[in-house]
Amino acid sequence: MKQTIMMTKGINKREAVLLEDREVVEWFLESDELPQLVGSVFKGKVDKVLPGMQAAFVDIGLEKNGFLHRDELLSYHLDQASNKENKNISSYISSGMEIAVQVTKEGVGTKGPRLTGVVALPGRQIVYMPEAGYIAVSRRIESEEKRTHLSELFSRSLEAEEGLIIRTQAVESKVEDIEEELKFLRSLWRETHTQHKQGKAPFLMYQSSSLIEQC
């Protein structure tokens, strides 16, 4: 499978698309007027918990608080209880709690950015999730044999609660190259987490790379 990145640059704006066999699979937009938020990780402080909405507003140091749904909480994600869907968000977080969150969608108008508590650091071949606890394989890898092989192969490379998403590009990559990327992303997160472990929320922990760096 052939991957191609096409990028255009304007005075204050940059756009890029990721093509797989000439089909667009990802689109990126970056502007000098809009800071790169999507993918960035913050140490946030829970401002309000809204049980009726199964959501919370989290102060991440920006003008508007971020929106975090119960299903995006790391603690909910890791809950093995069979009845967790019936649990209220108040069972997992409370006002004043400090948590690491990642921006998944820019805020629009009066709405703040959408957040997730399941942090994911993307590489070209894998997406590293420090605390997700599972392995997933890109749906674009259609061969069940390859999917199973990749899943079993890299499950042995993970530590403790780590998780991984194996991207389409991994099919044509050397195992050694993927393992090196895993080591790099793991080291990046550990360094980031160590540096900010004692910091008082809210603050930026990890700045998502720009289009120029990604492409």
Protein backbone atom coordinates (compact mmCIF):
# COMPACT_ATOMS: atom_id res chain seq x y z
CA MET A 1 0.00 0.00 0.00
CA LYS A 2 1.45 3.32 -1.09
CA GLN A 3 1.19 6.36 1.19
CA THR A 4 1.65 9.93 -0.01
CA ILE A 5 1.49 13.24 1.82
CA MET A 6 0.46 16.31 -0.17
CA MET A 7 0.92 19.70 1.45
CA THR A 8 0.04 23.28 0.50
CA LYS A 9 1.23 26.45 2.22
CA GLY A 10 -0.31 29.91 2.30
CA ILE A 11 0.84 33.05 4.04
CA ASN A 12 -0.83 32.15 7.33
CA LYS A 13 -2.26 28.70 6.67
CA ARG A 14 -0.99 25.19 5.94
CA GLU A 15 -3.01 22.21 4.74
CA ALA A 16 -2.02 18.60 4.20
CA VAL A 17 -3.73 15.38 3.16
CA LEU A 18 -2.55 11.82 3.68
CA LEU A 19 -3.29 9.56 0.72
CA GLU A 20 -3.32 5.78 0.73
CA ASP A 21 -3.49 4.34 -2.80
CA ARG A 22 -4.71 7.78 -4.00
CA GLU A 23 -7.55 7.83 -1.46
CA VAL A 24 -7.68 10.58 1.19
CA VAL A 25 -7.56 9.04 4.68
CA GLU A 26 -6.52 12.06 6.80
CA TRP A 27 -6.77 15.85 6.42
CA PHE A 28 -4.89 18.43 8.46
CA LEU A 29 -5.35 22.20 8.77
CA GLU A 30 -3.05 24.58 10.63
CA SER A 31 -3.17 28.37 10.92
CA ASP A 32 -0.92 30.93 12.56
CA GLU A 33 -4.03 32.52 14.07
CA LEU A 34 -5.11 29.21 15.61
CA PRO A 35 -2.65 27.47 17.94
CA GLN A 36 -2.09 23.76 17.40
CA LEU A 37 -4.44 22.25 19.97
CA VAL A 38 -5.61 18.92 18.58
CA GLY A 39 -3.27 16.24 19.89
CA SER A 40 -1.81 18.44 22.62
CA VAL A 41 -1.89 17.11 26.20
CA PHE A 42 -2.75 19.24 29.22
CA LYS A 43 -2.74 18.72 32.95
CA GLY A 44 -6.27 19.90 33.60
CA LYS A 45 -8.39 20.64 36.64
CA VAL A 46 -12.01 19.51 36.73
CA ASP A 47 -14.15 22.63 37.06
CA LYS A 48 -17.70 21.28 36.93
CA VAL A 49 -19.20 17.81 36.82
CA LEU A 50 -22.62 17.53 35.17
CA PRO A 51 -24.15 14.13 36.09
CA GLY A 52 -27.20 14.74 33.92
CA MET A 53 -25.00 15.11 30.84
CA GLN A 54 -22.51 12.44 31.91
CA ALA A 55 -19.85 15.05 31.25
CA ALA A 56 -17.46 17.47 32.89
CA PHE A 57 -15.88 20.79 32.06
CA VAL A 58 -12.14 20.85 32.56
CA ASP A 59 -9.95 23.91 32.95
CA ILE A 60 -6.88 23.44 30.75
CA GLY A 61 -5.66 27.03 30.95
CA LEU A 62 -7.43 28.35 27.86
CA GLU A 63 -10.19 30.94 27.52
CA LYS A 64 -12.85 28.23 27.45
CA ASN A 65 -12.96 25.04 29.48
CA GLY A 66 -12.70 21.73 27.64
CA PHE A 67 -15.62 19.28 27.41
CA LEU A 68 -14.97 15.74 28.65
CA HIS A 69 -17.61 13.00 28.34
CA ARG A 70 -17.70 10.11 30.77
CA ASP A 71 -16.92 7.59 28.02
CA GLU A 72 -13.66 9.46 27.28
CA LEU A 73 -12.37 9.15 30.86
CA LEU A 74 -9.36 6.89 31.32
CA SER A 75 -10.85 5.52 34.55
CA TYR A 76 -14.07 4.62 32.70
CA HIS A 77 -12.10 3.09 29.85
CA LEU A 78 -10.16 0.86 32.27
CA ASP A 79 -13.21 -0.11 34.35
CA GLN A 80 -13.81 -3.83 33.86
CA ALA A 81 -17.23 -3.87 35.55
CA SER A 82 -20.00 -5.29 33.38
CA ASN A 83 -22.40 -2.58 34.52
CA LYS A 84 -20.12 0.41 33.97
CA GLU A 85 -22.48 1.88 31.34
CA ASN A 86 -24.99 2.41 34.14
CA LYS A 87 -22.52 4.28 36.33
CA ASN A 88 -22.65 8.03 36.68
CA ILE A 89 -19.65 10.17 35.80
CA SER A 90 -19.52 11.18 39.47
CA SER A 91 -18.28 7.66 40.21
CA TYR A 92 -15.09 8.48 38.33
CA ILE A 93 -14.26 12.17 38.80
CA SER A 94 -15.13 15.13 41.01
CA SER A 95 -14.65 18.88 40.95
CA GLY A 96 -11.11 19.96 41.75
CA MET A 97 -9.52 16.73 40.54
CA GLU A 98 -6.41 17.08 38.36
CA ILE A 99 -6.20 14.82 35.29
CA ALA A 100 -4.20 14.52 32.09
CA VAL A 101 -6.37 15.18 29.03
CA GLN A 102 -5.75 15.42 25.30
CA VAL A 103 -7.56 17.69 22.85
CA THR A 104 -9.44 15.75 20.17
CA LYS A 105 -11.37 18.59 18.56
CA GLU A 106 -10.93 22.37 18.42
CA GLY A 107 -13.50 24.55 20.14
CA VAL A 108 -16.05 26.28 17.91
CA GLY A 109 -17.90 29.48 18.74
CA THR A 110 -18.94 29.42 22.39
CA LYS A 111 -17.91 25.79 22.79
CA GLY A 112 -14.55 24.81 24.23
CA PRO A 113 -12.36 22.01 22.88
CA ARG A 114 -13.39 18.37 23.24
CA LEU A 115 -11.14 16.25 25.39
CA THR A 116 -10.22 12.65 26.09
CA GLY A 117 -8.48 11.11 29.05
CA VAL A 118 -6.99 8.34 26.91
CA VAL A 119 -3.74 9.97 25.77
CA ALA A 120 -2.41 8.86 22.37
CA LEU A 121 0.90 9.91 20.82
CA PRO A 122 0.93 9.31 17.03
CA GLY A 123 3.89 8.03 15.06
CA ARG A 124 4.06 7.14 11.37
CA GLN A 125 3.61 3.41 11.97
CA ILE A 126 1.92 3.23 15.36
CA VAL A 127 -0.06 5.28 17.85
CA TYR A 128 1.28 4.88 21.38
CA MET A 129 -1.20 5.01 24.27
CA PRO A 130 0.64 5.11 27.62
CA GLU A 131 -2.25 3.81 29.73
CA ALA A 132 -4.90 2.40 27.37
CA GLY A 133 -4.19 -1.28 28.01
CA TYR A 134 -5.14 -2.69 24.60
CA ILE A 135 -3.87 -3.25 21.05
CA ALA A 136 -5.85 -2.34 17.94
CA VAL A 137 -4.99 -2.78 14.28
CA SER A 138 -6.01 -0.42 11.47
CA ARG A 139 -9.18 -1.57 9.73
CA ARG A 140 -7.47 -0.80 6.44
CA ILE A 141 -5.27 -3.84 7.01
CA GLU A 142 -7.79 -6.31 5.64
CA SER A 143 -5.80 -9.53 5.95
CA GLU A 144 -6.89 -11.23 9.17
CA GLU A 145 -3.64 -13.18 9.19
CA LYS A 146 -1.57 -9.98 9.12
CA ARG A 147 -3.77 -8.34 11.72
CA THR A 148 -3.37 -11.24 14.12
CA HIS A 149 0.36 -11.48 13.48
CA LEU A 150 0.96 -7.78 14.15
CA SER A 151 -1.20 -7.81 17.26
CA GLU A 152 0.54 -10.83 18.76
CA LEU A 153 3.98 -9.60 17.76
CA PHE A 154 3.75 -6.23 19.46
CA SER A 155 1.74 -7.33 22.47
CA ARG A 156 5.05 -8.78 23.69
CA SER A 157 6.73 -5.39 23.35
CA LEU A 158 4.30 -3.51 25.59
CA GLU A 159 4.80 -2.85 29.27
CA ALA A 160 2.22 -2.87 32.08
CA GLU A 161 -0.82 -0.78 31.07
CA GLU A 162 0.48 0.42 27.69
CA GLY A 163 -1.67 0.32 24.58
CA LEU A 164 -1.02 0.54 20.86
CA ILE A 165 -2.77 1.19 17.57
CA ILE A 166 -0.97 -0.34 14.61
CA ARG A 167 -1.33 1.88 11.55
CA THR A 168 -1.57 0.78 7.92
CA GLN A 169 2.01 1.85 7.21
CA ALA A 170 3.27 -0.86 9.60
CA VAL A 171 2.52 -3.58 7.03
CA GLU A 172 5.39 -2.45 4.81
CA SER A 173 7.74 -1.47 7.66
CA LYS A 174 10.50 -3.46 9.28
CA VAL A 175 9.75 -4.80 12.74
CA GLU A 176 12.92 -3.14 14.02
CA ASP A 177 11.77 0.26 12.75
CA ILE A 178 8.40 -0.08 14.48
CA GLU A 179 10.06 -1.14 17.72
CA GLU A 180 12.35 1.89 17.53
CA GLU A 181 9.35 4.16 17.07
CA LEU A 182 7.67 2.54 20.08
CA LYS A 183 10.78 3.13 22.20
CA PHE A 184 10.94 6.76 21.07
CA LEU A 185 7.28 7.49 21.85
CA ARG A 186 7.52 5.70 25.19
CA SER A 187 10.60 7.72 26.11
CA LEU A 188 8.91 10.95 24.98
CA TRP A 189 5.91 10.33 27.21
CA ARG A 190 7.96 9.30 30.23
CA GLU A 191 10.09 12.40 29.94
CA THR A 192 7.01 14.58 29.55
CA HIS A 193 5.23 12.93 32.48
CA THR A 194 8.28 13.14 34.74
CA GLN A 195 8.90 16.80 33.99
CA HIS A 196 5.35 17.80 34.85
CA LYS A 197 4.43 15.30 37.57
CA GLN A 198 4.60 17.87 40.38
CA GLY A 199 3.15 20.80 38.42
CA LYS A 200 -0.12 22.39 39.48
CA ALA A 201 -2.90 22.32 36.91
CA PRO A 202 -3.80 23.74 34.50
CA PHE A 203 -0.84 23.74 32.14
CA LEU A 204 0.36 22.34 28.82
CA MET A 205 2.24 19.05 29.16
CA TYR A 206 2.85 18.12 25.54
CA GLN A 207 2.54 20.26 22.41
CA SER A 208 1.33 18.42 19.35
CA SER A 209 3.75 18.72 16.45
CA SER A 210 3.02 21.11 13.61
CA LEU A 211 2.24 20.08 10.06
CA ILE A 212 5.76 20.95 9.02
CA GLU A 213 7.17 18.55 11.62
CA GLN A 214 4.65 15.82 10.77
CA CYS A 215 5.12 16.05 7.01
